[in-house]
Amino acid sequence: MKKYYFIIAFFFLAISVQGQQGLWTTDSTGTAPFIPLSDVPREILRLYDQYSYYVDYTGYSKAGFINAFGSHWNWINNYNTKTAAAMRVPTEDGSAVMVIILDKNNANMIFFINVGGGAIATTASHRARFEHWIRSFL
């Protein structure tokens, strides 16, 4: 997992500079387009179909997530209900998308990318299993 910290570092450097695009959010007060929570699996599956790989950063408590990724993530503690959002940033290989799913106690993050390097391939044969896994967070 440590090999993917550079993806996260690049992602946050990119969004702090320019070029970020909020794709959607279930937070009606957010700046990205609002979608209902029931639409999140469909939107994540669109990303699964569009990108070649994903990186799994799921299964964190909020405290563990902040400990792993830094105190600039303290804002996740402001969300105590199920909330999801996606953001796209440009990369050398086109773009990457971060999806974050929060609830009262947990933070789950998935990156969709087109460069492998040990990431999990998004294959048609595993799509149904991936969908079931995603729905387990919602």
N, C-alpha and C. Protein backbone atom coordinates (compact mmCIF):
# COMPACT_ATOMS: atom_id res chain seq x y z
N MET A 1 0.81 -1.18 0.00
CA MET A 1 0.00 0.00 0.00
C MET A 1 0.86 1.25 0.00
N LYS A 2 2.02 1.22 0.60
CA LYS A 2 2.86 2.41 0.65
C LYS A 2 3.22 2.93 -0.73
N LYS A 3 3.30 2.03 -1.71
CA LYS A 3 3.68 2.47 -3.05
C LYS A 3 2.64 3.40 -3.65
N TYR A 4 1.42 3.41 -3.12
CA TYR A 4 0.39 4.28 -3.66
C TYR A 4 0.27 5.61 -2.94
N TYR A 5 1.06 5.82 -1.90
CA TYR A 5 1.01 7.12 -1.24
C TYR A 5 1.41 8.23 -2.21
N PHE A 6 2.26 7.92 -3.19
CA PHE A 6 2.61 8.95 -4.18
C PHE A 6 1.40 9.36 -5.01
N ILE A 7 0.48 8.44 -5.25
CA ILE A 7 -0.75 8.78 -5.98
C ILE A 7 -1.55 9.78 -5.16
N ILE A 8 -1.68 9.51 -3.89
CA ILE A 8 -2.43 10.41 -3.02
C ILE A 8 -1.72 11.76 -2.93
N ALA A 9 -0.41 11.73 -2.76
CA ALA A 9 0.34 12.99 -2.69
C ALA A 9 0.16 13.80 -3.97
N PHE A 10 0.26 13.13 -5.11
CA PHE A 10 0.08 13.82 -6.38
C PHE A 10 -1.34 14.36 -6.48
N PHE A 11 -2.29 13.56 -6.08
CA PHE A 11 -3.68 13.97 -6.16
C PHE A 11 -3.90 15.25 -5.38
N PHE A 12 -3.41 15.31 -4.15
CA PHE A 12 -3.66 16.49 -3.34
C PHE A 12 -2.84 17.68 -3.78
N LEU A 13 -1.68 17.44 -4.35
CA LEU A 13 -0.93 18.54 -4.96
C LEU A 13 -1.72 19.09 -6.14
N ALA A 14 -2.24 18.22 -6.96
CA ALA A 14 -2.98 18.65 -8.15
C ALA A 14 -4.24 19.41 -7.77
N ILE A 15 -4.99 18.94 -6.79
CA ILE A 15 -6.24 19.64 -6.46
C ILE A 15 -5.97 20.95 -5.74
N SER A 16 -4.81 21.07 -5.11
CA SER A 16 -4.52 22.33 -4.46
C SER A 16 -4.02 23.36 -5.45
N VAL A 17 -3.60 22.94 -6.62
CA VAL A 17 -3.07 23.87 -7.61
C VAL A 17 -4.15 24.27 -8.59
N GLN A 18 -4.60 23.34 -9.41
CA GLN A 18 -5.62 23.64 -10.41
C GLN A 18 -6.10 22.36 -11.06
N GLY A 19 -7.16 22.47 -11.82
CA GLY A 19 -7.60 21.38 -12.66
C GLY A 19 -8.53 20.38 -12.01
N GLN A 20 -8.85 20.54 -10.74
CA GLN A 20 -9.74 19.57 -10.12
C GLN A 20 -11.16 19.75 -10.60
N GLN A 21 -11.88 18.68 -10.55
CA GLN A 21 -13.27 18.72 -10.98
C GLN A 21 -14.08 17.85 -10.04
N GLY A 22 -14.97 18.48 -9.28
CA GLY A 22 -15.90 17.72 -8.46
C GLY A 22 -16.91 17.06 -9.38
N LEU A 23 -16.95 15.74 -9.39
CA LEU A 23 -17.87 15.04 -10.28
C LEU A 23 -19.27 14.96 -9.70
N TRP A 24 -19.36 14.61 -8.42
CA TRP A 24 -20.64 14.49 -7.76
C TRP A 24 -20.44 14.36 -6.26
N THR A 25 -21.50 14.62 -5.51
CA THR A 25 -21.49 14.45 -4.06
C THR A 25 -22.91 14.17 -3.58
N THR A 26 -23.01 13.48 -2.45
CA THR A 26 -24.31 13.28 -1.82
C THR A 26 -24.57 14.34 -0.75
N ASP A 27 -23.63 15.25 -0.59
CA ASP A 27 -23.76 16.37 0.34
C ASP A 27 -24.45 17.52 -0.39
N SER A 28 -25.68 17.82 -0.02
CA SER A 28 -26.45 18.84 -0.75
C SER A 28 -25.87 20.24 -0.57
N THR A 29 -24.95 20.42 0.39
CA THR A 29 -24.32 21.72 0.57
C THR A 29 -22.98 21.81 -0.15
N GLY A 30 -22.57 20.74 -0.82
CA GLY A 30 -21.28 20.73 -1.51
C GLY A 30 -21.30 21.54 -2.79
N THR A 31 -20.11 21.72 -3.37
CA THR A 31 -20.01 22.50 -4.61
C THR A 31 -20.11 21.64 -5.86
N ALA A 32 -19.90 20.35 -5.73
CA ALA A 32 -20.05 19.44 -6.88
C ALA A 32 -21.53 19.15 -7.10
N PRO A 33 -21.89 18.66 -8.28
CA PRO A 33 -23.30 18.32 -8.52
C PRO A 33 -23.81 17.28 -7.51
N PHE A 34 -25.00 17.52 -7.01
CA PHE A 34 -25.62 16.64 -6.02
C PHE A 34 -26.23 15.42 -6.70
N ILE A 35 -26.04 14.24 -6.08
CA ILE A 35 -26.74 13.02 -6.47
C ILE A 35 -27.26 12.36 -5.20
N PRO A 36 -28.37 11.65 -5.28
CA PRO A 36 -28.86 10.92 -4.11
C PRO A 36 -27.95 9.72 -3.81
N LEU A 37 -27.90 9.33 -2.57
CA LEU A 37 -27.06 8.20 -2.16
C LEU A 37 -27.39 6.94 -2.94
N SER A 38 -28.64 6.77 -3.32
CA SER A 38 -29.04 5.58 -4.08
C SER A 38 -28.39 5.51 -5.46
N ASP A 39 -27.91 6.65 -5.99
CA ASP A 39 -27.25 6.68 -7.30
C ASP A 39 -25.74 6.40 -7.23
N VAL A 40 -25.18 6.39 -6.04
CA VAL A 40 -23.73 6.24 -5.89
C VAL A 40 -23.20 4.94 -6.49
N PRO A 41 -23.81 3.78 -6.24
CA PRO A 41 -23.27 2.55 -6.86
C PRO A 41 -23.19 2.65 -8.38
N ARG A 42 -24.24 3.19 -9.00
CA ARG A 42 -24.24 3.33 -10.47
C ARG A 42 -23.10 4.25 -10.93
N GLU A 43 -22.88 5.35 -10.23
CA GLU A 43 -21.82 6.29 -10.60
C GLU A 43 -20.44 5.66 -10.41
N ILE A 44 -20.26 4.90 -9.34
CA ILE A 44 -18.97 4.23 -9.11
C ILE A 44 -18.75 3.16 -10.17
N LEU A 45 -19.79 2.45 -10.56
CA LEU A 45 -19.64 1.44 -11.61
C LEU A 45 -19.29 2.07 -12.95
N ARG A 46 -19.77 3.28 -13.22
CA ARG A 46 -19.35 3.99 -14.43
C ARG A 46 -17.83 4.23 -14.42
N LEU A 47 -17.32 4.60 -13.26
CA LEU A 47 -15.87 4.79 -13.13
C LEU A 47 -15.13 3.47 -13.31
N TYR A 48 -15.68 2.41 -12.73
CA TYR A 48 -15.08 1.08 -12.87
C TYR A 48 -14.98 0.70 -14.35
N ASP A 49 -16.02 1.01 -15.12
CA ASP A 49 -16.03 0.68 -16.54
C ASP A 49 -15.10 1.60 -17.35
N GLN A 50 -14.91 2.81 -16.89
CA GLN A 50 -14.11 3.79 -17.62
C GLN A 50 -12.61 3.64 -17.39
N TYR A 51 -12.21 3.28 -16.19
CA TYR A 51 -10.79 3.19 -15.83
C TYR A 51 -10.30 1.75 -15.86
N SER A 52 -9.00 1.59 -16.02
CA SER A 52 -8.40 0.26 -16.12
C SER A 52 -8.07 -0.37 -14.77
N TYR A 53 -7.88 0.47 -13.75
CA TYR A 53 -7.44 -0.02 -12.44
C TYR A 53 -8.09 0.80 -11.33
N TYR A 54 -8.08 0.21 -10.14
CA TYR A 54 -8.44 0.98 -8.95
C TYR A 54 -7.51 0.59 -7.81
N VAL A 55 -7.39 1.52 -6.87
CA VAL A 55 -6.57 1.32 -5.68
C VAL A 55 -7.51 1.39 -4.49
N ASP A 56 -7.43 0.40 -3.63
CA ASP A 56 -8.34 0.22 -2.51
C ASP A 56 -7.74 0.79 -1.22
N TYR A 57 -8.35 1.86 -0.72
CA TYR A 57 -8.00 2.41 0.60
C TYR A 57 -9.23 2.37 1.48
N THR A 58 -9.89 1.23 1.54
CA THR A 58 -11.11 1.09 2.33
C THR A 58 -10.81 0.40 3.65
N GLY A 59 -11.79 0.47 4.54
CA GLY A 59 -11.69 -0.25 5.81
C GLY A 59 -11.08 0.54 6.95
N TYR A 60 -11.01 1.84 6.82
CA TYR A 60 -10.44 2.67 7.88
C TYR A 60 -11.51 3.21 8.81
N SER A 61 -11.18 3.25 10.11
CA SER A 61 -11.95 4.11 10.99
C SER A 61 -11.57 5.54 10.62
N LYS A 62 -12.35 6.51 11.01
CA LYS A 62 -11.99 7.89 10.68
C LYS A 62 -10.65 8.26 11.31
N ALA A 63 -10.44 7.85 12.56
CA ALA A 63 -9.17 8.15 13.24
C ALA A 63 -8.01 7.47 12.52
N GLY A 64 -8.20 6.23 12.11
CA GLY A 64 -7.15 5.51 11.38
C GLY A 64 -6.86 6.13 10.03
N PHE A 65 -7.89 6.62 9.37
CA PHE A 65 -7.73 7.27 8.08
C PHE A 65 -6.90 8.54 8.23
N ILE A 66 -7.26 9.36 9.20
CA ILE A 66 -6.52 10.60 9.45
C ILE A 66 -5.09 10.29 9.84
N ASN A 67 -4.89 9.27 10.64
CA ASN A 67 -3.54 8.87 11.03
C ASN A 67 -2.72 8.42 9.82
N ALA A 68 -3.36 7.69 8.91
CA ALA A 68 -2.66 7.17 7.73
C ALA A 68 -2.38 8.25 6.69
N PHE A 69 -3.31 9.18 6.50
CA PHE A 69 -3.21 10.11 5.37
C PHE A 69 -2.96 11.56 5.76
N GLY A 70 -2.99 11.87 7.05
CA GLY A 70 -2.61 13.21 7.49
C GLY A 70 -3.74 14.01 8.10
N SER A 71 -3.35 14.98 8.92
CA SER A 71 -4.32 15.78 9.66
C SER A 71 -5.15 16.71 8.77
N HIS A 72 -4.72 16.94 7.52
CA HIS A 72 -5.55 17.76 6.62
C HIS A 72 -6.87 17.06 6.29
N TRP A 73 -7.02 15.81 6.71
CA TRP A 73 -8.27 15.07 6.52
C TRP A 73 -9.21 15.20 7.72
N ASN A 74 -8.87 16.02 8.70
CA ASN A 74 -9.73 16.17 9.89
C ASN A 74 -11.16 16.55 9.54
N TRP A 75 -11.37 17.19 8.41
CA TRP A 75 -12.71 17.60 7.99
C TRP A 75 -13.68 16.43 7.87
N ILE A 76 -13.16 15.21 7.70
CA ILE A 76 -14.08 14.06 7.56
C ILE A 76 -14.89 13.84 8.83
N ASN A 77 -14.39 14.34 9.96
CA ASN A 77 -15.13 14.20 11.21
C ASN A 77 -16.40 15.05 11.24
N ASN A 78 -16.55 15.95 10.29
CA ASN A 78 -17.76 16.77 10.20
C ASN A 78 -18.95 16.00 9.64
N TYR A 79 -18.71 14.81 9.12
CA TYR A 79 -19.76 14.01 8.49
C TYR A 79 -20.11 12.83 9.39
N ASN A 80 -21.34 12.81 9.87
CA ASN A 80 -21.80 11.73 10.74
C ASN A 80 -22.88 10.89 10.11
N THR A 81 -23.24 11.20 8.88
CA THR A 81 -24.19 10.39 8.14
C THR A 81 -23.49 9.91 6.87
N LYS A 82 -24.07 8.92 6.24
CA LYS A 82 -23.50 8.36 5.01
C LYS A 82 -23.37 9.45 3.97
N THR A 83 -22.14 9.67 3.50
CA THR A 83 -21.85 10.71 2.51
C THR A 83 -20.83 10.15 1.54
N ALA A 84 -20.99 10.48 0.26
CA ALA A 84 -20.03 10.04 -0.75
C ALA A 84 -19.75 11.19 -1.71
N ALA A 85 -18.55 11.18 -2.29
CA ALA A 85 -18.18 12.21 -3.26
C ALA A 85 -17.11 11.67 -4.18
N ALA A 86 -17.03 12.27 -5.37
CA ALA A 86 -15.99 11.90 -6.34
C ALA A 86 -15.39 13.16 -6.93
N MET A 87 -14.07 13.12 -7.14
CA MET A 87 -13.35 14.24 -7.73
C MET A 87 -12.35 13.72 -8.73
N ARG A 88 -12.26 14.40 -9.87
CA ARG A 88 -11.31 14.03 -10.93
C ARG A 88 -10.19 15.08 -10.98
N VAL A 89 -8.97 14.59 -11.19
CA VAL A 89 -7.84 15.49 -11.40
C VAL A 89 -7.05 15.02 -12.61
N PRO A 90 -6.44 15.95 -13.33
CA PRO A 90 -5.61 15.55 -14.47
C PRO A 90 -4.33 14.88 -13.99
N THR A 91 -3.87 13.91 -14.76
CA THR A 91 -2.58 13.27 -14.50
C THR A 91 -1.84 13.16 -15.83
N GLU A 92 -0.61 12.70 -15.78
CA GLU A 92 0.15 12.50 -17.01
C GLU A 92 -0.53 11.50 -17.94
N ASP A 93 -1.29 10.59 -17.36
CA ASP A 93 -1.94 9.53 -18.14
C ASP A 93 -3.41 9.79 -18.39
N GLY A 94 -3.83 11.03 -18.29
CA GLY A 94 -5.22 11.37 -18.54
C GLY A 94 -5.88 11.96 -17.31
N SER A 95 -6.32 11.11 -16.41
CA SER A 95 -6.95 11.59 -15.18
C SER A 95 -7.02 10.46 -14.16
N ALA A 96 -7.28 10.85 -12.94
CA ALA A 96 -7.55 9.91 -11.86
C ALA A 96 -8.79 10.41 -11.14
N VAL A 97 -9.52 9.50 -10.54
CA VAL A 97 -10.71 9.88 -9.78
C VAL A 97 -10.61 9.28 -8.39
N MET A 98 -10.85 10.13 -7.39
CA MET A 98 -10.93 9.68 -6.01
C MET A 98 -12.40 9.64 -5.62
N VAL A 99 -12.82 8.53 -5.05
CA VAL A 99 -14.16 8.41 -4.47
C VAL A 99 -13.96 8.21 -2.98
N ILE A 100 -14.67 8.98 -2.18
CA ILE A 100 -14.62 8.81 -0.74
C ILE A 100 -16.02 8.58 -0.23
N ILE A 101 -16.14 7.59 0.66
CA ILE A 101 -17.43 7.24 1.27
C ILE A 101 -17.24 7.33 2.79
N LEU A 102 -18.03 8.17 3.41
CA LEU A 102 -17.91 8.41 4.86
C LEU A 102 -19.21 8.00 5.55
N ASP A 103 -19.08 7.59 6.79
CA ASP A 103 -20.24 7.44 7.66
C ASP A 103 -19.83 7.89 9.05
N LYS A 104 -20.63 7.61 10.05
CA LYS A 104 -20.35 8.13 11.39
C LYS A 104 -18.96 7.75 11.90
N ASN A 105 -18.52 6.52 11.62
CA ASN A 105 -17.27 6.03 12.19
C ASN A 105 -16.18 5.70 11.19
N ASN A 106 -16.51 5.60 9.91
CA ASN A 106 -15.58 5.05 8.93
C ASN A 106 -15.32 5.97 7.74
N ALA A 107 -14.15 5.76 7.13
CA ALA A 107 -13.77 6.48 5.91
C ALA A 107 -13.21 5.45 4.93
N ASN A 108 -13.76 5.45 3.73
CA ASN A 108 -13.32 4.53 2.68
C ASN A 108 -13.00 5.33 1.43
N MET A 109 -11.86 5.05 0.83
CA MET A 109 -11.44 5.79 -0.35
C MET A 109 -10.99 4.81 -1.43
N ILE A 110 -11.38 5.12 -2.66
CA ILE A 110 -10.98 4.32 -3.82
C ILE A 110 -10.49 5.28 -4.89
N PHE A 111 -9.35 4.98 -5.47
CA PHE A 111 -8.82 5.74 -6.60
C PHE A 111 -9.01 4.93 -7.86
N PHE A 112 -9.53 5.55 -8.89
CA PHE A 112 -9.60 4.94 -10.22
C PHE A 112 -8.52 5.58 -11.07
N ILE A 113 -7.69 4.73 -11.71
CA ILE A 113 -6.55 5.19 -12.48
C ILE A 113 -6.41 4.35 -13.74
N ASN A 114 -5.57 4.81 -14.65
CA ASN A 114 -5.31 4.04 -15.88
C ASN A 114 -3.90 3.48 -15.92
N VAL A 115 -3.15 3.62 -14.84
CA VAL A 115 -1.80 3.08 -14.76
C VAL A 115 -1.79 2.01 -13.69
N GLY A 116 -1.35 0.79 -14.03
CA GLY A 116 -1.41 -0.34 -13.12
C GLY A 116 -0.45 -0.27 -11.96
N GLY A 117 0.75 -0.75 -12.14
CA GLY A 117 1.75 -0.72 -11.09
C GLY A 117 1.32 -1.37 -9.79
N GLY A 118 0.60 -2.47 -9.86
CA GLY A 118 0.18 -3.16 -8.65
C GLY A 118 -1.25 -2.86 -8.24
N ALA A 119 -1.92 -1.94 -8.95
CA ALA A 119 -3.32 -1.65 -8.66
C ALA A 119 -4.18 -2.83 -9.13
N ILE A 120 -5.43 -2.84 -8.72
CA ILE A 120 -6.35 -3.92 -9.05
C ILE A 120 -7.01 -3.62 -10.40
N ALA A 121 -6.96 -4.58 -11.30
CA ALA A 121 -7.54 -4.39 -12.64
C ALA A 121 -9.06 -4.37 -12.56
N THR A 122 -9.66 -3.51 -13.37
CA THR A 122 -11.12 -3.44 -13.46
C THR A 122 -11.55 -4.32 -14.64
N THR A 123 -11.89 -5.55 -14.34
CA THR A 123 -12.24 -6.51 -15.39
C THR A 123 -13.73 -6.80 -15.40
N ALA A 124 -14.25 -7.11 -16.56
CA ALA A 124 -15.67 -7.43 -16.69
C ALA A 124 -16.04 -8.64 -15.84
N SER A 125 -15.13 -9.60 -15.73
CA SER A 125 -15.43 -10.81 -14.98
C SER A 125 -15.54 -10.57 -13.47
N HIS A 126 -15.00 -9.46 -12.97
CA HIS A 126 -15.07 -9.15 -11.54
C HIS A 126 -16.04 -8.01 -11.23
N ARG A 127 -16.73 -7.51 -12.24
CA ARG A 127 -17.60 -6.34 -12.05
C ARG A 127 -18.71 -6.60 -11.04
N ALA A 128 -19.39 -7.74 -11.12
CA ALA A 128 -20.49 -8.04 -10.19
C ALA A 128 -19.99 -8.13 -8.76
N ARG A 129 -18.83 -8.74 -8.57
CA ARG A 129 -18.25 -8.83 -7.23
C ARG A 129 -17.88 -7.44 -6.72
N PHE A 130 -17.34 -6.59 -7.60
CA PHE A 130 -17.00 -5.22 -7.24
C PHE A 130 -18.26 -4.46 -6.83
N GLU A 131 -19.32 -4.61 -7.61
CA GLU A 131 -20.59 -3.93 -7.29
C GLU A 131 -21.10 -4.35 -5.91
N HIS A 132 -21.06 -5.62 -5.63
CA HIS A 132 -21.51 -6.12 -4.32
C HIS A 132 -20.65 -5.50 -3.21
N TRP A 133 -19.34 -5.44 -3.44
CA TRP A 133 -18.42 -4.86 -2.46
C TRP A 133 -18.74 -3.38 -2.23
N ILE A 134 -18.95 -2.62 -3.30
CA ILE A 134 -19.27 -1.20 -3.18
C ILE A 134 -20.57 -1.00 -2.40
N ARG A 135 -21.56 -1.80 -2.71
CA ARG A 135 -22.84 -1.66 -2.01
C ARG A 135 -22.71 -1.94 -0.52
N SER A 136 -21.70 -2.72 -0.12
CA SER A 136 -21.51 -3.00 1.30
C SER A 136 -21.12 -1.74 2.09
N PHE A 137 -20.59 -0.72 1.42
CA PHE A 137 -20.24 0.52 2.09
C PHE A 137 -21.43 1.47 2.19
N LEU A 138 -22.45 1.19 1.42
CA LEU A 138 -23.59 2.10 1.36
C LEU A 138 -24.79 1.49 2.02
